[in-house]
PDB file of N, CA and C in Angstrom:
ATOM      1  N   MET A   1       8.326 -29.957  36.165  1.00  0.00           N
ATOM      2  CA  MET A   1       9.683 -30.196  36.008  1.00  0.00           C
ATOM      3  C   MET A   1       9.917 -31.302  35.078  1.00  0.00           C
ATOM      4  N   GLN A   2       9.298 -31.797  34.667  1.00  0.00           N
ATOM      5  CA  GLN A   2       8.859 -32.304  33.314  1.00  0.00           C
ATOM      6  C   GLN A   2       8.649 -31.924  32.148  1.00  0.00           C
ATOM      7  N   ARG A   3       7.541 -31.070  31.886  1.00  0.00           N
ATOM      8  CA  ARG A   3       7.070 -30.102  30.699  1.00  0.00           C
ATOM      9  C   ARG A   3       7.863 -28.941  30.420  1.00  0.00           C
ATOM     10  N   GLN A   4       8.707 -28.410  31.464  1.00  0.00           N
ATOM     11  CA  GLN A   4      10.207 -27.676  31.560  1.00  0.00           C
ATOM     12  C   GLN A   4      10.691 -28.643  30.378  1.00  0.00           C
ATOM     13  N   LEU A   5      11.514 -30.381  31.111  1.00  0.00           N
ATOM     14  CA  LEU A   5      12.065 -30.661  30.183  1.00  0.00           C
ATOM     15  C   LEU A   5      11.541 -30.555  28.435  1.00  0.00           C
ATOM     16  N   ALA A   6      10.690 -30.510  28.412  1.00  0.00           N
ATOM     17  CA  ALA A   6      10.272 -31.205  27.049  1.00  0.00           C
ATOM     18  C   ALA A   6       9.894 -30.431  26.487  1.00  0.00           C
ATOM     19  N   SER A   7       9.279 -28.763  26.399  1.00  0.00           N
ATOM     20  CA  SER A   7       9.832 -27.908  26.591  1.00  0.00           C
ATOM     21  C   SER A   7      11.272 -27.492  26.027  1.00  0.00           C
ATOM     22  N   SER A   8      11.150 -27.623  26.856  1.00  0.00           N
ATOM     23  CA  SER A   8      13.662 -26.987  26.785  1.00  0.00           C
ATOM     24  C   SER A   8      13.732 -27.908  25.157  1.00  0.00           C
ATOM     25  N   GLU A   9      13.924 -29.275  24.587  1.00  0.00           N
ATOM     26  CA  GLU A   9      14.352 -30.447  23.922  1.00  0.00           C
ATOM     27  C   GLU A   9      13.677 -29.990  23.163  1.00  0.00           C
ATOM     28  N   ASP A  10      12.295 -29.679  23.343  1.00  0.00           N
ATOM     29  CA  ASP A  10      11.568 -29.107  21.896  1.00  0.00           C
ATOM     30  C   ASP A  10      12.573 -27.481  21.270  1.00  0.00           C
ATOM     31  N   GLU A  11      12.544 -26.650  22.385  1.00  0.00           N
ATOM     32  CA  GLU A  11      13.277 -25.344  22.089  1.00  0.00           C
ATOM     33  C   GLU A  11      14.666 -25.905  21.311  1.00  0.00           C
ATOM     34  N   LYS A  12      15.520 -26.717  21.754  1.00  0.00           N
ATOM     35  CA  LYS A  12      17.452 -26.859  21.455  1.00  0.00           C
ATOM     36  C   LYS A  12      16.710 -27.420  19.684  1.00  0.00           C
ATOM     37  N   LYS A  13      15.941 -28.739  20.567  1.00  0.00           N
ATOM     38  CA  LYS A  13      15.079 -29.292  18.281  1.00  0.00           C
ATOM     39  C   LYS A  13      15.373 -28.430  17.448  1.00  0.00           C
ATOM     40  N   THR A  14      14.554 -26.878  17.729  1.00  0.00           N
ATOM     41  CA  THR A  14      13.723 -26.141  16.716  1.00  0.00           C
ATOM     42  C   THR A  14      15.066 -25.292  16.744  1.00  0.00           C
ATOM     43  N   LEU A  15      15.646 -25.149  17.307  1.00  0.00           N
ATOM     44  CA  LEU A  15      17.340 -23.970  17.536  1.00  0.00           C
ATOM     45  C   LEU A  15      18.442 -24.898  16.818  1.00  0.00           C
ATOM     46  N   ASN A  16      18.124 -25.802  16.696  1.00  0.00           N
ATOM     47  CA  ASN A  16      19.281 -26.354  16.162  1.00  0.00           C
ATOM     48  C   ASN A  16      18.250 -26.460  14.076  1.00  0.00           C
ATOM     49  N   SER A  17      17.895 -27.116  13.867  1.00  0.00           N
ATOM     50  CA  SER A  17      16.978 -26.748  12.719  1.00  0.00           C
ATOM     51  C   SER A  17      17.289 -25.749  11.960  1.00  0.00           C
ATOM     52  N   LEU A  18      16.902 -24.615  12.691  1.00  0.00           N
ATOM     53  CA  LEU A  18      17.412 -23.431  12.549  1.00  0.00           C
ATOM     54  C   LEU A  18      18.831 -23.173  12.028  1.00  0.00           C
ATOM     55  N   LEU A  19      19.801 -23.874  12.946  1.00  0.00           N
ATOM     56  CA  LEU A  19      21.027 -23.100  12.540  1.00  0.00           C
ATOM     57  C   LEU A  19      21.328 -24.205  10.968  1.00  0.00           C
ATOM     58  N   ARG A  20      21.075 -24.859  11.273  1.00  0.00           N
ATOM     59  CA  ARG A  20      21.444 -25.857  10.347  1.00  0.00           C
ATOM     60  C   ARG A  20      20.963 -25.528   8.759  1.00  0.00           C
ATOM     61  N   MET A  21      19.702 -25.025   8.655  1.00  0.00           N
ATOM     62  CA  MET A  21      18.526 -23.916   7.826  1.00  0.00           C
ATOM     63  C   MET A  21      19.428 -23.049   7.158  1.00  0.00           C
ATOM     64  N   ALA A  22      20.108 -22.567   8.571  1.00  0.00           N
ATOM     65  CA  ALA A  22      21.142 -21.557   7.871  1.00  0.00           C
ATOM     66  C   ALA A  22      22.826 -21.547   7.582  1.00  0.00           C
ATOM     67  N   ILE A  23      23.213 -22.480   7.724  1.00  0.00           N
ATOM     68  CA  ILE A  23      24.234 -22.957   8.000  1.00  0.00           C
ATOM     69  C   ILE A  23      24.166 -23.019   5.950  1.00  0.00           C
ATOM     70  N   GLN A  24      23.218 -24.016   5.762  1.00  0.00           N
ATOM     71  CA  GLN A  24      22.666 -24.261   4.220  1.00  0.00           C
ATOM     72  C   GLN A  24      22.521 -23.089   3.194  1.00  0.00           C
ATOM     73  N   GLN A  25      22.171 -22.070   3.782  1.00  0.00           N
ATOM     74  CA  GLN A  25      21.653 -20.799   3.415  1.00  0.00           C
ATOM     75  C   GLN A  25      22.995 -20.367   2.954  1.00  0.00           C
ATOM     76  N   LYS A  26      23.328 -20.532   3.578  1.00  0.00           N
ATOM     77  CA  LYS A  26      25.465 -19.297   3.751  1.00  0.00           C
ATOM     78  C   LYS A  26      25.771 -20.462   3.094  1.00  0.00           C
ATOM     79  N   LEU A  27      26.133 -21.914   2.749  1.00  0.00           N
ATOM     80  CA  LEU A  27      27.607 -22.299   1.586  1.00  0.00           C
ATOM     81  C   LEU A  27      26.288 -21.940   1.014  1.00  0.00           C
ATOM     82  N   ALA A  28      25.108 -22.518  -0.071  1.00  0.00           N
ATOM     83  CA  ALA A  28      24.583 -21.883  -0.749  1.00  0.00           C
ATOM     84  C   ALA A  28      25.164 -20.604  -1.142  1.00  0.00           C
ATOM     85  N   LEU A  29      24.582 -19.181  -0.855  1.00  0.00           N
ATOM     86  CA  LEU A  29      25.036 -18.212  -1.179  1.00  0.00           C
ATOM     87  C   LEU A  29      27.466 -18.226  -1.059  1.00  0.00           C
ATOM     88  N   THR A  30      27.507 -19.175  -0.465  1.00  0.00           N
ATOM     89  CA  THR A  30      29.296 -18.707  -1.118  1.00  0.00           C
ATOM     90  C   THR A  30      29.839 -19.117  -2.023  1.00  0.00           C
ATOM     91  N   GLN A  31      28.725 -20.608  -2.227  1.00  0.00           N
ATOM     92  CA  GLN A  31      29.306 -20.891  -4.055  1.00  0.00           C
ATOM     93  C   GLN A  31      28.929 -19.775  -4.909  1.00  0.00           C
ATOM     94  N   ARG A  32      27.469 -19.197  -4.651  1.00  0.00           N
ATOM     95  CA  ARG A  32      26.902 -19.168  -6.268  1.00  0.00           C
ATOM     96  C   ARG A  32      28.006 -17.962  -5.946  1.00  0.00           C
ATOM     97  N   LEU A  33      28.189 -17.298  -4.992  1.00  0.00           N
ATOM     98  CA  LEU A  33      29.028 -16.032  -5.277  1.00  0.00           C
ATOM     99  C   LEU A  33      30.801 -15.958  -6.102  1.00  0.00           C
ATOM    100  N   GLU A  34      31.350 -17.381  -5.454  1.00  0.00           N
ATOM    101  CA  GLU A  34      32.617 -17.848  -6.002  1.00  0.00           C
ATOM    102  C   GLU A  34      32.353 -18.170  -7.165  1.00  0.00           C
ATOM    103  N   GLY A  35      30.858 -18.794  -7.668  1.00  0.00           N
ATOM    104  CA  GLY A  35      30.920 -19.124  -9.325  1.00  0.00           C
ATOM    105  C   GLY A  35      29.806 -17.898  -9.538  1.00  0.00           C
ATOM    106  N   GLN A  36      30.314 -16.274  -9.427  1.00  0.00           N
ATOM    107  CA  GLN A  36      30.038 -15.469 -10.099  1.00  0.00           C
ATOM    108  C   GLN A  36      31.353 -14.754 -10.250  1.00  0.00           C
ATOM    109  N   ASP A  37      32.575 -15.053  -8.985  1.00  0.00           N
ATOM    110  CA  ASP A  37      33.884 -14.598  -9.549  1.00  0.00           C
ATOM    111  C   ASP A  37      34.418 -15.268 -10.277  1.00  0.00           C
ATOM    112  N   ALA A  38      34.501 -16.109 -10.662  1.00  0.00           N
ATOM    113  CA  ALA A  38      34.651 -17.091 -11.511  1.00  0.00           C
ATOM    114  C   ALA A  38      34.278 -16.966 -13.157  1.00  0.00           C
ATOM    115  N   LYS A  39      33.185 -16.383 -13.464  1.00  0.00           N
ATOM    116  CA  LYS A  39      32.378 -16.065 -14.774  1.00  0.00           C
ATOM    117  C   LYS A  39      32.776 -14.525 -15.029  1.00  0.00           C
ATOM    118  N   PRO A  40      33.522 -14.555 -16.082  1.00  0.00           N
ATOM    119  CA  PRO A  40      33.983 -13.039 -16.864  1.00  0.00           C
ATOM    120  C   PRO A  40      32.599 -11.749 -16.845  1.00  0.00           C
ATOM    121  N   GLU A  41      32.497 -11.013 -16.301  1.00  0.00           N
ATOM    122  CA  GLU A  41      31.655 -10.493 -16.158  1.00  0.00           C
ATOM    123  C   GLU A  41      30.321 -10.139 -18.375  1.00  0.00           C
ATOM    124  N   GLN A  42      29.066 -10.516 -18.429  1.00  0.00           N
ATOM    125  CA  GLN A  42      28.998 -10.818 -19.576  1.00  0.00           C
ATOM    126  C   GLN A  42      27.384  -9.370 -19.639  1.00  0.00           C
ATOM    127  N   PRO A  43      26.841  -8.728 -20.603  1.00  0.00           N
ATOM    128  CA  PRO A  43      26.580  -7.598 -20.605  1.00  0.00           C
ATOM    129  C   PRO A  43      24.850  -7.948 -20.653  1.00  0.00           C
ATOM    130  N   ARG A  44      23.858  -7.823 -19.955  1.00  0.00           N
ATOM    131  CA  ARG A  44      22.624  -8.938 -19.676  1.00  0.00           C
ATOM    132  C   ARG A  44      21.533  -8.207 -20.380  1.00  0.00           C
ATOM    133  N   TYR A  45      20.493  -9.192 -21.493  1.00  0.00           N
ATOM    134  CA  TYR A  45      19.784  -8.993 -22.007  1.00  0.00           C
ATOM    135  C   TYR A  45      20.404  -8.116 -23.869  1.00  0.00           C
ATOM    136  N   GLY A  46      21.443  -8.930 -23.621  1.00  0.00           N
ATOM    137  CA  GLY A  46      22.622  -7.697 -24.477  1.00  0.00           C
ATOM    138  C   GLY A  46      22.583  -6.570 -25.100  1.00  0.00           C
ATOM    139  N   ARG A  47      22.524  -5.334 -23.891  1.00  0.00           N
ATOM    140  CA  ARG A  47      22.613  -4.350 -23.775  1.00  0.00           C
ATOM    141  C   ARG A  47      23.832  -3.821 -23.010  1.00  0.00           C
ATOM    142  N   SER A  48      24.085  -3.312 -23.808  1.00  0.00           N
ATOM    143  CA  SER A  48      25.527  -1.663 -23.195  1.00  0.00           C
ATOM    144  C   SER A  48      25.393  -1.612 -22.261  1.00  0.00           C
ATOM    145  N   LYS A  49      26.600  -1.324 -21.784  1.00  0.00           N
ATOM    146  CA  LYS A  49      26.633  -0.292 -20.368  1.00  0.00           C
ATOM    147  C   LYS A  49      26.439   1.116 -20.659  1.00  0.00           C
ATOM    148  N   PRO A  50      25.664   0.892 -19.084  1.00  0.00           N
ATOM    149  CA  PRO A  50      25.149   2.490 -19.707  1.00  0.00           C
ATOM    150  C   PRO A  50      26.504   3.748 -20.206  1.00  0.00           C
ATOM    151  N   HIS A  51      27.658   3.203 -19.684  1.00  0.00           N
ATOM    152  CA  HIS A  51      28.975   4.200 -19.310  1.00  0.00           C
ATOM    153  C   HIS A  51      29.398   3.883 -20.646  1.00  0.00           C
ATOM    154  N   SER A  52      29.142   3.471 -21.217  1.00  0.00           N
ATOM    155  CA  SER A  52      29.601   2.853 -22.407  1.00  0.00           C
ATOM    156  C   SER A  52      28.879   3.921 -23.512  1.00  0.00           C
ATOM    157  N   ARG A  53      27.346   3.507 -23.348  1.00  0.00           N
ATOM    158  CA  ARG A  53      27.097   4.821 -23.832  1.00  0.00           C
ATOM    159  C   ARG A  53      27.551   6.835 -23.688  1.00  0.00           C
ATOM    160  N   ASN A  54      27.415   6.999 -22.927  1.00  0.00           N
ATOM    161  CA  ASN A  54      27.338   8.096 -22.390  1.00  0.00           C
ATOM    162  C   ASN A  54      29.256   8.414 -22.948  1.00  0.00           C
ATOM    163  N   LYS A  55      30.454   7.673 -23.318  1.00  0.00           N
ATOM    164  CA  LYS A  55      30.941   7.275 -23.665  1.00  0.00           C
ATOM    165  C   LYS A  55      31.060   7.958 -25.005  1.00  0.00           C
ATOM    166  N   LEU A  56      30.474   7.096 -25.994  1.00  0.00           N
ATOM    167  CA  LEU A  56      30.132   7.219 -27.125  1.00  0.00           C
ATOM    168  C   LEU A  56      29.357   9.182 -27.288  1.00  0.00           C
ATOM    169  N   ARG A  57      28.294   9.488 -26.992  1.00  0.00           N
ATOM    170  CA  ARG A  57      27.793  10.007 -27.239  1.00  0.00           C
ATOM    171  C   ARG A  57      28.910  11.727 -26.301  1.00  0.00           C
ATOM    172  N   ALA A  58      29.816  11.719 -26.147  1.00  0.00           N
ATOM    173  CA  ALA A  58      30.786  12.796 -25.569  1.00  0.00           C
ATOM    174  C   ALA A  58      31.508  12.944 -26.921  1.00  0.00           C
ATOM    175  N   ALA A  59      31.656  11.305 -27.490  1.00  0.00           N
ATOM    176  CA  ALA A  59      32.722  11.375 -28.580  1.00  0.00           C
ATOM    177  C   ALA A  59      32.043  12.438 -29.441  1.00  0.00           C
ATOM    178  N   ARG A  60      31.051  11.847 -29.452  1.00  0.00           N
ATOM    179  CA  ARG A  60      29.585  12.776 -30.949  1.00  0.00           C
ATOM    180  C   ARG A  60      29.933  13.828 -30.649  1.00  0.00           C
ATOM    181  N   ALA A  61      29.435  14.559 -29.364  1.00  0.00           N
ATOM    182  CA  ALA A  61      29.755  15.951 -28.997  1.00  0.00           C
ATOM    183  C   ALA A  61      30.537  15.930 -29.063  1.00  0.00           C
ATOM    184  N   SER A  62      32.252  16.197 -28.971  1.00  0.00           N
ATOM    185  CA  SER A  62      33.170  16.220 -28.743  1.00  0.00           C
ATOM    186  C   SER A  62      33.648  17.023 -30.435  1.00  0.00           C
ATOM    187  N   SER A  63      33.291  16.156 -31.087  1.00  0.00           N
ATOM    188  CA  SER A  63      33.532  15.921 -33.117  1.00  0.00           C
ATOM    189  C   SER A  63      32.528  16.933 -33.532  1.00  0.00           C
ATOM    190  N   GLN A  64      31.474  17.083 -33.017  1.00  0.00           N
ATOM    191  CA  GLN A  64      30.753  18.402 -33.708  1.00  0.00           C
ATOM    192  C   GLN A  64      31.196  20.077 -33.202  1.00  0.00           C
TER     193      GLN A  64
END
């Protein structure tokens, strides 16, 4: 009986620890997502967006 109680207490501590970690990760992810929403989109690595290139190609093709 005493061993079962000790085992249950260990399991409770483990589950509480996992829950705390999951909550911290969720908060961190939520903050990151909110931070991205606040920033205007910037092209990565200085490359233009693919759809912009396609528009340019279409304009060149139609003018020929």
